[in-house]
Amino acid sequence: MIPIQELLSRIRWDADFGKADFQIGYLDRIQQRIVRVPLKEIAFVDDDQFAFQFFDQEGETHSVPLHRIKAVYRNGDLIWHREH
């Protein structure tokens, strides 16, 4: 299994691979479940290589450490995962 940072880099920089529809599944520690977020709704802050950010439906900003990413889906198919 490749590190999540390498997969995210490939999605961002490999034009053919990256034009698919991606979702990131991360562990929500409060709800104790995997939450799927479309990659197009995620922001990667340049000076933070260890987390991503997104806005939820209420407009609240969430910062999620990359180690809480548990799954990546491409066009609905699971392409990467790690145990909870």
PDB file of N, CA and C in Angstrom:
ATOM      1  N   MET A   1       0.845  -1.171   0.000  1.00  0.00           N
ATOM      2  CA  MET A   1       0.000   0.000   0.000  1.00  0.00           C
ATOM      3  C   MET A   1       0.898   1.244   0.000  1.00  0.00           C
ATOM      4  N   ILE A   2       0.562   2.181  -0.879  1.00  0.00           N
ATOM      5  CA  ILE A   2       1.352   3.404  -0.932  1.00  0.00           C
ATOM      6  C   ILE A   2       0.895   4.358   0.165  1.00  0.00           C
ATOM      7  N   PRO A   3       1.752   5.232   0.633  1.00  0.00           N
ATOM      8  CA  PRO A   3       1.349   6.213   1.639  1.00  0.00           C
ATOM      9  C   PRO A   3       0.277   7.152   1.075  1.00  0.00           C
ATOM     10  N   ILE A   4      -0.603   7.603   1.941  1.00  0.00           N
ATOM     11  CA  ILE A   4      -1.703   8.469   1.509  1.00  0.00           C
ATOM     12  C   ILE A   4      -1.175   9.741   0.854  1.00  0.00           C
ATOM     13  N   GLN A   5      -0.060  10.282   1.328  1.00  0.00           N
ATOM     14  CA  GLN A   5       0.496  11.499   0.732  1.00  0.00           C
ATOM     15  C   GLN A   5       0.858  11.269  -0.742  1.00  0.00           C
ATOM     16  N   GLU A   6       1.392  10.092  -1.055  1.00  0.00           N
ATOM     17  CA  GLU A   6       1.747   9.779  -2.442  1.00  0.00           C
ATOM     18  C   GLU A   6       0.506   9.646  -3.311  1.00  0.00           C
ATOM     19  N   LEU A   7      -0.535   9.006  -2.806  1.00  0.00           N
ATOM     20  CA  LEU A   7      -1.767   8.868  -3.574  1.00  0.00           C
ATOM     21  C   LEU A   7      -2.406  10.232  -3.822  1.00  0.00           C
ATOM     22  N   LEU A   8      -2.475  11.069  -2.805  1.00  0.00           N
ATOM     23  CA  LEU A   8      -3.055  12.401  -2.971  1.00  0.00           C
ATOM     24  C   LEU A   8      -2.240  13.229  -3.969  1.00  0.00           C
ATOM     25  N   SER A   9      -0.945  13.085  -3.931  1.00  0.00           N
ATOM     26  CA  SER A   9      -0.093  13.787  -4.890  1.00  0.00           C
ATOM     27  C   SER A   9      -0.374  13.303  -6.310  1.00  0.00           C
ATOM     28  N   ARG A  10      -0.525  12.020  -6.491  1.00  0.00           N
ATOM     29  CA  ARG A  10      -0.818  11.491  -7.824  1.00  0.00           C
ATOM     30  C   ARG A  10      -2.161  12.007  -8.326  1.00  0.00           C
ATOM     31  N   ILE A  11      -3.155  12.039  -7.451  1.00  0.00           N
ATOM     32  CA  ILE A  11      -4.467  12.544  -7.845  1.00  0.00           C
ATOM     33  C   ILE A  11      -4.358  14.000  -8.299  1.00  0.00           C
ATOM     34  N   ARG A  12      -3.588  14.777  -7.566  1.00  0.00           N
ATOM     35  CA  ARG A  12      -3.472  16.206  -7.872  1.00  0.00           C
ATOM     36  C   ARG A  12      -2.637  16.479  -9.121  1.00  0.00           C
ATOM     37  N   TRP A  13      -1.602  15.671  -9.392  1.00  0.00           N
ATOM     38  CA  TRP A  13      -0.652  16.010 -10.444  1.00  0.00           C
ATOM     39  C   TRP A  13      -0.686  15.107 -11.673  1.00  0.00           C
ATOM     40  N   ASP A  14      -1.323  13.943 -11.612  1.00  0.00           N
ATOM     41  CA  ASP A  14      -1.442  13.059 -12.782  1.00  0.00           C
ATOM     42  C   ASP A  14      -2.776  13.385 -13.464  1.00  0.00           C
ATOM     43  N   ALA A  15      -2.706  14.116 -14.568  1.00  0.00           N
ATOM     44  CA  ALA A  15      -3.912  14.642 -15.220  1.00  0.00           C
ATOM     45  C   ALA A  15      -4.903  13.541 -15.605  1.00  0.00           C
ATOM     46  N   ASP A  16      -4.439  12.446 -16.162  1.00  0.00           N
ATOM     47  CA  ASP A  16      -5.354  11.377 -16.579  1.00  0.00           C
ATOM     48  C   ASP A  16      -5.998  10.686 -15.380  1.00  0.00           C
ATOM     49  N   PHE A  17      -5.191  10.327 -14.414  1.00  0.00           N
ATOM     50  CA  PHE A  17      -5.701   9.649 -13.217  1.00  0.00           C
ATOM     51  C   PHE A  17      -6.600  10.581 -12.407  1.00  0.00           C
ATOM     52  N   GLY A  18      -6.213  11.842 -12.291  1.00  0.00           N
ATOM     53  CA  GLY A  18      -6.898  12.789 -11.417  1.00  0.00           C
ATOM     54  C   GLY A  18      -8.202  13.340 -11.931  1.00  0.00           C
ATOM     55  N   LYS A  19      -8.581  13.073 -13.187  1.00  0.00           N
ATOM     56  CA  LYS A  19      -9.831  13.644 -13.688  1.00  0.00           C
ATOM     57  C   LYS A  19     -11.061  12.815 -13.313  1.00  0.00           C
ATOM     58  N   ALA A  20     -10.869  11.779 -12.556  1.00  0.00           N
ATOM     59  CA  ALA A  20     -11.981  10.955 -12.071  1.00  0.00           C
ATOM     60  C   ALA A  20     -12.672  11.642 -10.890  1.00  0.00           C
ATOM     61  N   ASP A  21     -13.758  11.048 -10.420  1.00  0.00           N
ATOM     62  CA  ASP A  21     -14.496  11.547  -9.258  1.00  0.00           C
ATOM     63  C   ASP A  21     -13.963  10.835  -8.018  1.00  0.00           C
ATOM     64  N   PHE A  22     -13.327  11.574  -7.114  1.00  0.00           N
ATOM     65  CA  PHE A  22     -12.731  11.000  -5.916  1.00  0.00           C
ATOM     66  C   PHE A  22     -13.497  11.401  -4.666  1.00  0.00           C
ATOM     67  N   GLN A  23     -13.512  10.496  -3.714  1.00  0.00           N
ATOM     68  CA  GLN A  23     -14.023  10.771  -2.372  1.00  0.00           C
ATOM     69  C   GLN A  23     -13.003  10.276  -1.364  1.00  0.00           C
ATOM     70  N   ILE A  24     -12.879  11.035  -0.276  1.00  0.00           N
ATOM     71  CA  ILE A  24     -11.992  10.677   0.820  1.00  0.00           C
ATOM     72  C   ILE A  24     -12.868  10.212   1.982  1.00  0.00           C
ATOM     73  N   GLY A  25     -12.556   9.058   2.533  1.00  0.00           N
ATOM     74  CA  GLY A  25     -13.260   8.558   3.713  1.00  0.00           C
ATOM     75  C   GLY A  25     -12.369   8.707   4.929  1.00  0.00           C
ATOM     76  N   TYR A  26     -12.809   9.510   5.879  1.00  0.00           N
ATOM     77  CA  TYR A  26     -11.997   9.721   7.080  1.00  0.00           C
ATOM     78  C   TYR A  26     -12.777   9.285   8.314  1.00  0.00           C
ATOM     79  N   LEU A  27     -12.049   8.951   9.367  1.00  0.00           N
ATOM     80  CA  LEU A  27     -12.666   8.525  10.616  1.00  0.00           C
ATOM     81  C   LEU A  27     -13.102   9.750  11.413  1.00  0.00           C
ATOM     82  N   ASP A  28     -14.402   9.855  11.624  1.00  0.00           N
ATOM     83  CA  ASP A  28     -14.947  10.895  12.498  1.00  0.00           C
ATOM     84  C   ASP A  28     -14.944  10.310  13.900  1.00  0.00           C
ATOM     85  N   ARG A  29     -14.101  10.860  14.760  1.00  0.00           N
ATOM     86  CA  ARG A  29     -13.938  10.291  16.100  1.00  0.00           C
ATOM     87  C   ARG A  29     -15.167  10.492  16.972  1.00  0.00           C
ATOM     88  N   ILE A  30     -15.940  11.541  16.746  1.00  0.00           N
ATOM     89  CA  ILE A  30     -17.138  11.781  17.551  1.00  0.00           C
ATOM     90  C   ILE A  30     -18.241  10.812  17.163  1.00  0.00           C
ATOM     91  N   GLN A  31     -18.473  10.679  15.849  1.00  0.00           N
ATOM     92  CA  GLN A  31     -19.536   9.783  15.377  1.00  0.00           C
ATOM     93  C   GLN A  31     -19.082   8.328  15.307  1.00  0.00           C
ATOM     94  N   GLN A  32     -17.770   8.091  15.433  1.00  0.00           N
ATOM     95  CA  GLN A  32     -17.192   6.744  15.355  1.00  0.00           C
ATOM     96  C   GLN A  32     -17.620   6.023  14.071  1.00  0.00           C
ATOM     97  N   ARG A  33     -17.486   6.752  12.951  1.00  0.00           N
ATOM     98  CA  ARG A  33     -17.800   6.159  11.649  1.00  0.00           C
ATOM     99  C   ARG A  33     -16.965   6.844  10.578  1.00  0.00           C
ATOM    100  N   ILE A  34     -16.912   6.212   9.415  1.00  0.00           N
ATOM    101  CA  ILE A  34     -16.200   6.777   8.282  1.00  0.00           C
ATOM    102  C   ILE A  34     -17.132   7.752   7.567  1.00  0.00           C
ATOM    103  N   VAL A  35     -16.642   8.968   7.359  1.00  0.00           N
ATOM    104  CA  VAL A  35     -17.381  10.008   6.646  1.00  0.00           C
ATOM    105  C   VAL A  35     -16.712  10.198   5.296  1.00  0.00           C
ATOM    106  N   ARG A  36     -17.524  10.182   4.234  1.00  0.00           N
ATOM    107  CA  ARG A  36     -16.997  10.369   2.886  1.00  0.00           C
ATOM    108  C   ARG A  36     -17.218  11.809   2.441  1.00  0.00           C
ATOM    109  N   VAL A  37     -16.149  12.425   1.945  1.00  0.00           N
ATOM    110  CA  VAL A  37     -16.180  13.810   1.484  1.00  0.00           C
ATOM    111  C   VAL A  37     -15.643  13.845   0.051  1.00  0.00           C
ATOM    112  N   PRO A  38     -16.363  14.490  -0.872  1.00  0.00           N
ATOM    113  CA  PRO A  38     -15.824  14.621  -2.231  1.00  0.00           C
ATOM    114  C   PRO A  38     -14.499  15.386  -2.215  1.00  0.00           C
ATOM    115  N   LEU A  39     -13.545  14.893  -2.956  1.00  0.00           N
ATOM    116  CA  LEU A  39     -12.230  15.522  -2.987  1.00  0.00           C
ATOM    117  C   LEU A  39     -12.312  16.972  -3.445  1.00  0.00           C
ATOM    118  N   LYS A  40     -13.253  17.275  -4.334  1.00  0.00           N
ATOM    119  CA  LYS A  40     -13.368  18.651  -4.830  1.00  0.00           C
ATOM    120  C   LYS A  40     -13.805  19.631  -3.748  1.00  0.00           C
ATOM    121  N   GLU A  41     -14.277  19.131  -2.600  1.00  0.00           N
ATOM    122  CA  GLU A  41     -14.666  19.992  -1.484  1.00  0.00           C
ATOM    123  C   GLU A  41     -13.563  20.121  -0.431  1.00  0.00           C
ATOM    124  N   ILE A  42     -12.426  19.491  -0.687  1.00  0.00           N
ATOM    125  CA  ILE A  42     -11.311  19.478   0.261  1.00  0.00           C
ATOM    126  C   ILE A  42     -10.251  20.484  -0.170  1.00  0.00           C
ATOM    127  N   ALA A  43      -9.695  21.165   0.818  1.00  0.00           N
ATOM    128  CA  ALA A  43      -8.590  22.099   0.555  1.00  0.00           C
ATOM    129  C   ALA A  43      -7.348  21.600   1.277  1.00  0.00           C
ATOM    130  N   PHE A  44      -6.228  21.680   0.579  1.00  0.00           N
ATOM    131  CA  PHE A  44      -4.942  21.353   1.174  1.00  0.00           C
ATOM    132  C   PHE A  44      -4.181  22.659   1.353  1.00  0.00           C
ATOM    133  N   VAL A  45      -3.898  23.011   2.594  1.00  0.00           N
ATOM    134  CA  VAL A  45      -3.187  24.244   2.902  1.00  0.00           C
ATOM    135  C   VAL A  45      -1.702  24.020   2.636  1.00  0.00           C
ATOM    136  N   ASP A  46      -1.096  24.943   1.912  1.00  0.00           N
ATOM    137  CA  ASP A  46       0.299  24.775   1.483  1.00  0.00           C
ATOM    138  C   ASP A  46       1.274  24.542   2.622  1.00  0.00           C
ATOM    139  N   ASP A  47       1.088  25.209   3.750  1.00  0.00           N
ATOM    140  CA  ASP A  47       2.050  25.073   4.839  1.00  0.00           C
ATOM    141  C   ASP A  47       1.692  23.959   5.827  1.00  0.00           C
ATOM    142  N   ASP A  48       0.662  23.164   5.509  1.00  0.00           N
ATOM    143  CA  ASP A  48       0.271  22.052   6.383  1.00  0.00           C
ATOM    144  C   ASP A  48       0.264  20.762   5.570  1.00  0.00           C
ATOM    145  N   GLN A  49       1.300  19.954   5.732  1.00  0.00           N
ATOM    146  CA  GLN A  49       1.412  18.705   4.982  1.00  0.00           C
ATOM    147  C   GLN A  49       0.789  17.527   5.712  1.00  0.00           C
ATOM    148  N   PHE A  50       0.140  17.788   6.845  1.00  0.00           N
ATOM    149  CA  PHE A  50      -0.368  16.696   7.672  1.00  0.00           C
ATOM    150  C   PHE A  50      -1.876  16.706   7.851  1.00  0.00           C
ATOM    151  N   ALA A  51      -2.593  17.617   7.162  1.00  0.00           N
ATOM    152  CA  ALA A  51      -4.046  17.702   7.339  1.00  0.00           C
ATOM    153  C   ALA A  51      -4.687  18.286   6.084  1.00  0.00           C
ATOM    154  N   PHE A  52      -6.004  18.096   5.982  1.00  0.00           N
ATOM    155  CA  PHE A  52      -6.787  18.765   4.949  1.00  0.00           C
ATOM    156  C   PHE A  52      -7.951  19.467   5.625  1.00  0.00           C
ATOM    157  N   GLN A  53      -8.585  20.395   4.910  1.00  0.00           N
ATOM    158  CA  GLN A  53      -9.709  21.134   5.456  1.00  0.00           C
ATOM    159  C   GLN A  53     -10.904  21.025   4.525  1.00  0.00           C
ATOM    160  N   PHE A  54     -12.100  21.122   5.119  1.00  0.00           N
ATOM    161  CA  PHE A  54     -13.324  21.211   4.328  1.00  0.00           C
ATOM    162  C   PHE A  54     -14.396  21.890   5.167  1.00  0.00           C
ATOM    163  N   PHE A  55     -15.432  22.374   4.478  1.00  0.00           N
ATOM    164  CA  PHE A  55     -16.585  22.986   5.138  1.00  0.00           C
ATOM    165  C   PHE A  55     -17.720  21.980   5.144  1.00  0.00           C
ATOM    166  N   ASP A  56     -18.378  21.813   6.310  1.00  0.00           N
ATOM    167  CA  ASP A  56     -19.524  20.915   6.368  1.00  0.00           C
ATOM    168  C   ASP A  56     -20.774  21.648   5.885  1.00  0.00           C
ATOM    169  N   GLN A  57     -21.933  20.990   5.947  1.00  0.00           N
ATOM    170  CA  GLN A  57     -23.176  21.570   5.437  1.00  0.00           C
ATOM    171  C   GLN A  57     -23.622  22.800   6.211  1.00  0.00           C
ATOM    172  N   GLU A  58     -23.164  22.931   7.450  1.00  0.00           N
ATOM    173  CA  GLU A  58     -23.501  24.104   8.255  1.00  0.00           C
ATOM    174  C   GLU A  58     -22.499  25.237   8.058  1.00  0.00           C
ATOM    175  N   GLY A  59     -21.497  25.018   7.225  1.00  0.00           N
ATOM    176  CA  GLY A  59     -20.490  26.041   6.965  1.00  0.00           C
ATOM    177  C   GLY A  59     -19.330  26.043   7.945  1.00  0.00           C
ATOM    178  N   GLU A  60     -19.271  25.050   8.812  1.00  0.00           N
ATOM    179  CA  GLU A  60     -18.180  24.964   9.785  1.00  0.00           C
ATOM    180  C   GLU A  60     -16.947  24.346   9.134  1.00  0.00           C
ATOM    181  N   THR A  61     -15.792  24.922   9.407  1.00  0.00           N
ATOM    182  CA  THR A  61     -14.536  24.409   8.869  1.00  0.00           C
ATOM    183  C   THR A  61     -14.024  23.264   9.735  1.00  0.00           C
ATOM    184  N   HIS A  62     -13.593  22.201   9.070  1.00  0.00           N
ATOM    185  CA  HIS A  62     -13.005  21.059   9.763  1.00  0.00           C
ATOM    186  C   HIS A  62     -11.592  20.853   9.245  1.00  0.00           C
ATOM    187  N   SER A  63     -10.669  20.619  10.133  1.00  0.00           N
ATOM    188  CA  SER A  63      -9.303  20.258   9.782  1.00  0.00           C
ATOM    189  C   SER A  63      -9.115  18.805  10.197  1.00  0.00           C
ATOM    190  N   VAL A  64      -8.771  17.968   9.234  1.00  0.00           N
ATOM    191  CA  VAL A  64      -8.667  16.525   9.476  1.00  0.00           C
ATOM    192  C   VAL A  64      -7.232  16.075   9.218  1.00  0.00           C
ATOM    193  N   PRO A  65      -6.576  15.490  10.216  1.00  0.00           N
ATOM    194  CA  PRO A  65      -5.223  14.965  10.002  1.00  0.00           C
ATOM    195  C   PRO A  65      -5.231  13.836   8.971  1.00  0.00           C
ATOM    196  N   LEU A  66      -4.204  13.785   8.154  1.00  0.00           N
ATOM    197  CA  LEU A  66      -4.136  12.761   7.111  1.00  0.00           C
ATOM    198  C   LEU A  66      -4.143  11.349   7.678  1.00  0.00           C
ATOM    199  N   HIS A  67      -3.655  11.152   8.912  1.00  0.00           N
ATOM    200  CA  HIS A  67      -3.658   9.799   9.472  1.00  0.00           C
ATOM    201  C   HIS A  67      -5.073   9.290   9.760  1.00  0.00           C
ATOM    202  N   ARG A  68      -6.078  10.175   9.731  1.00  0.00           N
ATOM    203  CA  ARG A  68      -7.462   9.733   9.920  1.00  0.00           C
ATOM    204  C   ARG A  68      -8.156   9.371   8.612  1.00  0.00           C
ATOM    205  N   ILE A  69      -7.464   9.542   7.471  1.00  0.00           N
ATOM    206  CA  ILE A  69      -8.019   9.066   6.205  1.00  0.00           C
ATOM    207  C   ILE A  69      -7.938   7.547   6.214  1.00  0.00           C
ATOM    208  N   LYS A  70      -9.071   6.917   6.018  1.00  0.00           N
ATOM    209  CA  LYS A  70      -9.131   5.454   6.064  1.00  0.00           C
ATOM    210  C   LYS A  70      -9.458   4.825   4.722  1.00  0.00           C
ATOM    211  N   ALA A  71      -9.961   5.631   3.760  1.00  0.00           N
ATOM    212  CA  ALA A  71     -10.337   5.080   2.462  1.00  0.00           C
ATOM    213  C   ALA A  71     -10.335   6.172   1.408  1.00  0.00           C
ATOM    214  N   VAL A  72     -10.042   5.766   0.168  1.00  0.00           N
ATOM    215  CA  VAL A  72     -10.141   6.662  -0.981  1.00  0.00           C
ATOM    216  C   VAL A  72     -10.920   5.915  -2.061  1.00  0.00           C
ATOM    217  N   TYR A  73     -11.896   6.606  -2.625  1.00  0.00           N
ATOM    218  CA  TYR A  73     -12.741   6.037  -3.666  1.00  0.00           C
ATOM    219  C   TYR A  73     -12.525   6.799  -4.964  1.00  0.00           C
ATOM    220  N   ARG A  74     -12.453   6.065  -6.062  1.00  0.00           N
ATOM    221  CA  ARG A  74     -12.328   6.658  -7.399  1.00  0.00           C
ATOM    222  C   ARG A  74     -13.496   6.164  -8.227  1.00  0.00           C
ATOM    223  N   ASN A  75     -14.328   7.096  -8.660  1.00  0.00           N
ATOM    224  CA  ASN A  75     -15.548   6.756  -9.408  1.00  0.00           C
ATOM    225  C   ASN A  75     -16.381   5.718  -8.657  1.00  0.00           C
ATOM    226  N   GLY A  76     -16.427   5.852  -7.334  1.00  0.00           N
ATOM    227  CA  GLY A  76     -17.230   4.971  -6.498  1.00  0.00           C
ATOM    228  C   GLY A  76     -16.554   3.675  -6.080  1.00  0.00           C
ATOM    229  N   ASP A  77     -15.395   3.369  -6.655  1.00  0.00           N
ATOM    230  CA  ASP A  77     -14.678   2.136  -6.333  1.00  0.00           C
ATOM    231  C   ASP A  77     -13.596   2.414  -5.288  1.00  0.00           C
ATOM    232  N   LEU A  78     -13.507   1.553  -4.296  1.00  0.00           N
ATOM    233  CA  LEU A  78     -12.470   1.666  -3.278  1.00  0.00           C
ATOM    234  C   LEU A  78     -11.115   1.352  -3.911  1.00  0.00           C
ATOM    235  N   ILE A  79     -10.193   2.323  -3.865  1.00  0.00           N
ATOM    236  CA  ILE A  79      -8.865   2.108  -4.468  1.00  0.00           C
ATOM    237  C   ILE A  79      -7.755   2.088  -3.427  1.00  0.00           C
ATOM    238  N   TRP A  80      -8.072   2.537  -2.186  1.00  0.00           N
ATOM    239  CA  TRP A  80      -7.064   2.593  -1.141  1.00  0.00           C
ATOM    240  C   TRP A  80      -7.782   2.530   0.203  1.00  0.00           C
ATOM    241  N   HIS A  81      -7.215   1.790   1.152  1.00  0.00           N
ATOM    242  CA  HIS A  81      -7.805   1.781   2.498  1.00  0.00           C
ATOM    243  C   HIS A  81      -6.752   1.333   3.518  1.00  0.00           C
ATOM    244  N   ARG A  82      -7.032   1.661   4.755  1.00  0.00           N
ATOM    245  CA  ARG A  82      -6.254   1.152   5.889  1.00  0.00           C
ATOM    246  C   ARG A  82      -7.239   0.877   7.017  1.00  0.00           C
ATOM    247  N   GLU A  83      -6.827   0.028   7.919  1.00  0.00           N
ATOM    248  CA  GLU A  83      -7.699  -0.374   9.026  1.00  0.00           C
ATOM    249  C   GLU A  83      -7.995   0.796   9.942  1.00  0.00           C
ATOM    250  N   HIS A  84      -9.114   0.733  10.632  1.00  0.00           N
ATOM    251  CA  HIS A  84      -9.531   1.795  11.575  1.00  0.00           C
ATOM    252  C   HIS A  84      -8.691   1.701  12.820  1.00  0.00           C
TER     253      HIS A  84
END
